[in-house]
């Protein structure tokens, strides 16, 4: 029975981007490896510690960058093994795993909103920017219940305010 024959059936017309899983994973891991390498290089430029009891401002990013690169290398090895298995499986007739990304345009727009969020913080402040863009990202992600959007936005702002302003005494603009 098709959607034309039964009007109550809905057809999902969301565009879907199909990518080979192993190749998509290798691409993401390569990008993350470059990001972690950049963090490592930048952390080497931080000033050293003044006191002997401290490790310096760049020590934590350095450790995080190196740990991220090692993790990416291990996951990349896994992705290459999976790609080889998929190629061998394709020779015997087993279909390759695919990664389905529904609504790639929505994901791109959400990325642009996040960039706008980061850039807008210096202009209108974190809380004002979050008050506008958190619900926008939720709506873009498919959330349509107004109560949940309001509750999540308020909960997010209260959590950030509690952690940073009250506990850590760090005020956001």
C-alpha atoms as a PDB file:
ATOM      1  CA  UNK A   1       0.000   0.000   0.000  1.00  0.00           C
ATOM      2  CA  UNK A   2       1.446   3.354  -0.989  1.00  0.00           C
ATOM      3  CA  UNK A   3       0.952   6.809   0.484  1.00  0.00           C
ATOM      4  CA  UNK A   4      -1.290   7.700  -2.480  1.00  0.00           C
ATOM      5  CA  UNK A   5      -3.708   4.883  -1.659  1.00  0.00           C
ATOM      6  CA  UNK A   6      -3.840   5.611   2.069  1.00  0.00           C
ATOM      7  CA  UNK A   7      -3.959   9.326   2.961  1.00  0.00           C
ATOM      8  CA  UNK A   8      -3.095   8.661   6.630  1.00  0.00           C
ATOM      9  CA  UNK A   9       0.359   7.330   5.691  1.00  0.00           C
ATOM     10  CA  UNK A  10       3.052   9.961   5.767  1.00  0.00           C
ATOM     11  CA  UNK A  11       6.141   9.843   3.628  1.00  0.00           C
ATOM     12  CA  UNK A  12       9.360  11.201   5.072  1.00  0.00           C
ATOM     13  CA  UNK A  13      10.767  13.521   2.420  1.00  0.00           C
ATOM     14  CA  UNK A  14      13.783  14.660   4.459  1.00  0.00           C
ATOM     15  CA  UNK A  15      16.869  14.599   2.251  1.00  0.00           C
ATOM     16  CA  UNK A  16      19.357  11.967   3.337  1.00  0.00           C
ATOM     17  CA  UNK A  17      23.086  12.016   2.676  1.00  0.00           C
ATOM     18  CA  UNK A  18      24.503   8.476   2.402  1.00  0.00           C
ATOM     19  CA  UNK A  19      28.212   8.073   3.141  1.00  0.00           C
ATOM     20  CA  UNK A  20      30.328   4.926   3.464  1.00  0.00           C
ATOM     21  CA  UNK A  21      30.732   4.584   7.230  1.00  0.00           C
ATOM     22  CA  UNK A  22      34.448   3.770   7.347  1.00  0.00           C
ATOM     23  CA  UNK A  23      35.395   6.558   4.934  1.00  0.00           C
ATOM     24  CA  UNK A  24      33.243   9.099   6.780  1.00  0.00           C
ATOM     25  CA  UNK A  25      34.833   8.042  10.064  1.00  0.00           C
ATOM     26  CA  UNK A  26      38.323   8.402   8.599  1.00  0.00           C
ATOM     27  CA  UNK A  27      37.484  11.915   7.357  1.00  0.00           C
ATOM     28  CA  UNK A  28      36.159  13.032  10.741  1.00  0.00           C
ATOM     29  CA  UNK A  29      39.139  11.502  12.544  1.00  0.00           C
ATOM     30  CA  UNK A  30      41.614  13.182  10.194  1.00  0.00           C
ATOM     31  CA  UNK A  31      39.963  16.556  10.866  1.00  0.00           C
ATOM     32  CA  UNK A  32      40.013  15.911  14.631  1.00  0.00           C
ATOM     33  CA  UNK A  33      43.667  14.858  14.456  1.00  0.00           C
ATOM     34  CA  UNK A  34      44.529  18.180  12.788  1.00  0.00           C
ATOM     35  CA  UNK A  35      42.538  20.036  15.461  1.00  0.00           C
ATOM     36  CA  UNK A  36      44.347  18.224  18.291  1.00  0.00           C
ATOM     37  CA  UNK A  37      47.706  18.856  16.597  1.00  0.00           C
ATOM     38  CA  UNK A  38      46.857  22.566  16.445  1.00  0.00           C
ATOM     39  CA  UNK A  39      45.920  22.537  20.159  1.00  0.00           C
ATOM     40  CA  UNK A  40      49.255  20.855  20.933  1.00  0.00           C
ATOM     41  CA  UNK A  41      51.278  23.394  18.941  1.00  0.00           C
ATOM     42  CA  UNK A  42      49.386  26.339  20.437  1.00  0.00           C
ATOM     43  CA  UNK A  43      49.859  25.004  23.980  1.00  0.00           C
ATOM     44  CA  UNK A  44      53.626  25.045  23.475  1.00  0.00           C
ATOM     45  CA  UNK A  45      53.399  28.815  22.984  1.00  0.00           C
ATOM     46  CA  UNK A  46      51.780  29.400  26.394  1.00  0.00           C
ATOM     47  CA  UNK A  47      54.005  30.914  29.083  1.00  0.00           C
ATOM     48  CA  UNK A  48      55.700  28.603  31.543  1.00  0.00           C
ATOM     49  CA  UNK A  49      54.699  28.588  35.195  1.00  0.00           C
ATOM     50  CA  UNK A  50      56.020  31.234  37.558  1.00  0.00           C
ATOM     51  CA  UNK A  51      55.976  29.061  40.667  1.00  0.00           C
ATOM     52  CA  UNK A  52      57.450  25.586  40.973  1.00  0.00           C
ATOM     53  CA  UNK A  53      54.214  24.162  42.407  1.00  0.00           C
ATOM     54  CA  UNK A  54      52.273  24.965  39.210  1.00  0.00           C
ATOM     55  CA  UNK A  55      52.539  23.162  35.907  1.00  0.00           C
ATOM     56  CA  UNK A  56      51.883  26.208  33.707  1.00  0.00           C
ATOM     57  CA  UNK A  57      48.996  27.321  31.589  1.00  0.00           C
ATOM     58  CA  UNK A  58      49.939  25.194  28.595  1.00  0.00           C
ATOM     59  CA  UNK A  59      50.337  21.849  30.340  1.00  0.00           C
ATOM     60  CA  UNK A  60      46.679  20.791  30.309  1.00  0.00           C
ATOM     61  CA  UNK A  61      46.090  21.685  26.621  1.00  0.00           C
ATOM     62  CA  UNK A  62      49.360  19.938  25.758  1.00  0.00           C
ATOM     63  CA  UNK A  63      48.304  16.735  27.489  1.00  0.00           C
ATOM     64  CA  UNK A  64      44.804  16.987  25.983  1.00  0.00           C
ATOM     65  CA  UNK A  65      46.183  17.581  22.487  1.00  0.00           C
ATOM     66  CA  UNK A  66      48.575  14.652  22.631  1.00  0.00           C
ATOM     67  CA  UNK A  67      45.899  12.400  24.148  1.00  0.00           C
ATOM     68  CA  UNK A  68      43.453  13.440  21.427  1.00  0.00           C
ATOM     69  CA  UNK A  69      45.971  12.691  18.675  1.00  0.00           C
ATOM     70  CA  UNK A  70      46.723   9.250  20.147  1.00  0.00           C
ATOM     71  CA  UNK A  71      42.990   8.507  20.422  1.00  0.00           C
ATOM     72  CA  UNK A  72      42.396   9.634  16.833  1.00  0.00           C
ATOM     73  CA  UNK A  73      45.276   7.463  15.614  1.00  0.00           C
ATOM     74  CA  UNK A  74      43.821   4.408  17.360  1.00  0.00           C
ATOM     75  CA  UNK A  75      40.324   5.082  16.036  1.00  0.00           C
ATOM     76  CA  UNK A  76      41.760   5.719  12.541  1.00  0.00           C
ATOM     77  CA  UNK A  77      43.409   2.278  12.676  1.00  0.00           C
ATOM     78  CA  UNK A  78      40.000   0.814  13.572  1.00  0.00           C
ATOM     79  CA  UNK A  79      38.366   2.682  10.658  1.00  0.00           C
ATOM     80  CA  UNK A  80      40.991   1.433   8.188  1.00  0.00           C
ATOM     81  CA  UNK A  81      40.460  -2.157   9.376  1.00  0.00           C
ATOM     82  CA  UNK A  82      36.709  -1.683   8.992  1.00  0.00           C
ATOM     83  CA  UNK A  83      37.168  -0.291   5.465  1.00  0.00           C
ATOM     84  CA  UNK A  84      39.328  -3.278   4.520  1.00  0.00           C
ATOM     85  CA  UNK A  85      36.703  -5.655   5.936  1.00  0.00           C
ATOM     86  CA  UNK A  86      34.003  -3.799   3.980  1.00  0.00           C
ATOM     87  CA  UNK A  87      36.019  -4.118   0.766  1.00  0.00           C
ATOM     88  CA  UNK A  88      36.532  -7.836   1.361  1.00  0.00           C
ATOM     89  CA  UNK A  89      32.828  -8.165   2.240  1.00  0.00           C
ATOM     90  CA  UNK A  90      31.842  -6.340  -0.939  1.00  0.00           C
ATOM     91  CA  UNK A  91      33.823  -8.872  -2.949  1.00  0.00           C
ATOM     92  CA  UNK A  92      31.753 -11.671  -1.409  1.00  0.00           C
ATOM     93  CA  UNK A  93      28.457  -9.798  -1.735  1.00  0.00           C
ATOM     94  CA  UNK A  94      28.030  -8.273   1.740  1.00  0.00           C
ATOM     95  CA  UNK A  95      26.797  -4.668   1.529  1.00  0.00           C
ATOM     96  CA  UNK A  96      28.986  -1.920   2.994  1.00  0.00           C
ATOM     97  CA  UNK A  97      27.832  -0.091   6.144  1.00  0.00           C
ATOM     98  CA  UNK A  98      26.566   3.365   5.304  1.00  0.00           C
ATOM     99  CA  UNK A  99      26.175   6.424   7.440  1.00  0.00           C
ATOM    100  CA  UNK A 100      22.874   8.207   6.857  1.00  0.00           C
ATOM    101  CA  UNK A 101      22.775  11.908   7.646  1.00  0.00           C
ATOM    102  CA  UNK A 102      19.183  13.123   7.584  1.00  0.00           C
ATOM    103  CA  UNK A 103      18.722  16.776   6.745  1.00  0.00           C
ATOM    104  CA  UNK A 104      22.323  17.775   5.936  1.00  0.00           C
ATOM    105  CA  UNK A 105      21.162  21.348   5.298  1.00  0.00           C
ATOM    106  CA  UNK A 106      19.739  21.554   8.840  1.00  0.00           C
ATOM    107  CA  UNK A 107      23.049  20.385  10.257  1.00  0.00           C
ATOM    108  CA  UNK A 108      24.920  23.003   8.225  1.00  0.00           C
ATOM    109  CA  UNK A 109      22.520  25.750   9.356  1.00  0.00           C
ATOM    110  CA  UNK A 110      22.918  24.623  12.987  1.00  0.00           C
ATOM    111  CA  UNK A 111      26.683  24.914  12.580  1.00  0.00           C
ATOM    112  CA  UNK A 112      26.243  28.449  11.257  1.00  0.00           C
ATOM    113  CA  UNK A 113      23.989  29.263  14.223  1.00  0.00           C
ATOM    114  CA  UNK A 114      26.660  28.023  16.628  1.00  0.00           C
ATOM    115  CA  UNK A 115      29.275  30.181  14.903  1.00  0.00           C
ATOM    116  CA  UNK A 116      26.848  33.118  15.163  1.00  0.00           C
ATOM    117  CA  UNK A 117      26.338  32.265  18.831  1.00  0.00           C
ATOM    118  CA  UNK A 118      30.062  32.413  19.532  1.00  0.00           C
ATOM    119  CA  UNK A 119      30.509  35.622  17.540  1.00  0.00           C
ATOM    120  CA  UNK A 120      27.381  37.216  19.030  1.00  0.00           C
ATOM    121  CA  UNK A 121      28.499  36.677  22.624  1.00  0.00           C
ATOM    122  CA  UNK A 122      30.988  39.524  22.446  1.00  0.00           C
ATOM    123  CA  UNK A 123      28.333  41.857  21.015  1.00  0.00           C
ATOM    124  CA  UNK A 124      25.172  41.174  23.044  1.00  0.00           C
ATOM    125  CA  UNK A 125      26.484  38.929  25.819  1.00  0.00           C
ATOM    126  CA  UNK A 126      26.341  35.207  26.516  1.00  0.00           C
ATOM    127  CA  UNK A 127      22.961  35.053  28.227  1.00  0.00           C
ATOM    128  CA  UNK A 128      21.121  37.184  25.646  1.00  0.00           C
ATOM    129  CA  UNK A 129      22.676  35.277  22.771  1.00  0.00           C
ATOM    130  CA  UNK A 130      21.846  31.943  24.426  1.00  0.00           C
ATOM    131  CA  UNK A 131      18.276  33.036  25.070  1.00  0.00           C
ATOM    132  CA  UNK A 132      17.782  33.445  21.319  1.00  0.00           C
ATOM    133  CA  UNK A 133      19.979  30.757  19.793  1.00  0.00           C
ATOM    134  CA  UNK A 134      19.376  27.767  22.100  1.00  0.00           C
ATOM    135  CA  UNK A 135      15.666  27.652  21.157  1.00  0.00           C
ATOM    136  CA  UNK A 136      16.576  28.235  17.492  1.00  0.00           C
ATOM    137  CA  UNK A 137      18.919  25.238  17.508  1.00  0.00           C
ATOM    138  CA  UNK A 138      16.304  23.115  19.293  1.00  0.00           C
ATOM    139  CA  UNK A 139      13.690  24.066  16.690  1.00  0.00           C
ATOM    140  CA  UNK A 140      16.114  23.298  13.884  1.00  0.00           C
ATOM    141  CA  UNK A 141      16.806  19.926  15.477  1.00  0.00           C
ATOM    142  CA  UNK A 142      13.115  19.040  15.322  1.00  0.00           C
ATOM    143  CA  UNK A 143      11.850  19.848  18.814  1.00  0.00           C
ATOM    144  CA  UNK A 144       8.354  21.323  18.449  1.00  0.00           C
ATOM    145  CA  UNK A 145       6.988  21.249  22.015  1.00  0.00           C
ATOM    146  CA  UNK A 146       7.085  24.836  23.334  1.00  0.00           C
ATOM    147  CA  UNK A 147       7.163  23.775  26.988  1.00  0.00           C
ATOM    148  CA  UNK A 148      10.247  21.601  26.450  1.00  0.00           C
ATOM    149  CA  UNK A 149      12.005  24.328  24.482  1.00  0.00           C
ATOM    150  CA  UNK A 150      11.362  26.854  27.248  1.00  0.00           C
ATOM    151  CA  UNK A 151      12.321  24.431  30.030  1.00  0.00           C
ATOM    152  CA  UNK A 152      15.535  23.377  28.298  1.00  0.00           C
ATOM    153  CA  UNK A 153      16.554  26.971  27.549  1.00  0.00           C
ATOM    154  CA  UNK A 154      15.864  28.150  31.099  1.00  0.00           C
ATOM    155  CA  UNK A 155      17.565  25.055  32.557  1.00  0.00           C
ATOM    156  CA  UNK A 156      20.613  25.617  30.363  1.00  0.00           C
ATOM    157  CA  UNK A 157      20.904  29.272  31.405  1.00  0.00           C
ATOM    158  CA  UNK A 158      20.387  28.464  35.105  1.00  0.00           C
ATOM    159  CA  UNK A 159      22.989  25.671  34.979  1.00  0.00           C
ATOM    160  CA  UNK A 160      25.574  27.890  33.286  1.00  0.00           C
ATOM    161  CA  UNK A 161      24.873  30.778  35.675  1.00  0.00           C
ATOM    162  CA  UNK A 162      25.055  28.482  38.724  1.00  0.00           C
ATOM    163  CA  UNK A 163      28.303  26.816  37.671  1.00  0.00           C
ATOM    164  CA  UNK A 164      30.202  29.827  36.449  1.00  0.00           C
ATOM    165  CA  UNK A 165      28.834  32.876  38.260  1.00  0.00           C
ATOM    166  CA  UNK A 166      27.935  31.379  41.633  1.00  0.00           C
ATOM    167  CA  UNK A 167      30.433  28.545  42.068  1.00  0.00           C
ATOM    168  CA  UNK A 168      33.477  29.682  40.093  1.00  0.00           C
ATOM    169  CA  UNK A 169      32.923  33.448  40.305  1.00  0.00           C
ATOM    170  CA  UNK A 170      33.439  33.860  36.552  1.00  0.00           C
ATOM    171  CA  UNK A 171      31.088  36.420  35.037  1.00  0.00           C
ATOM    172  CA  UNK A 172      30.113  36.084  31.404  1.00  0.00           C
ATOM    173  CA  UNK A 173      29.600  39.188  29.298  1.00  0.00           C
END
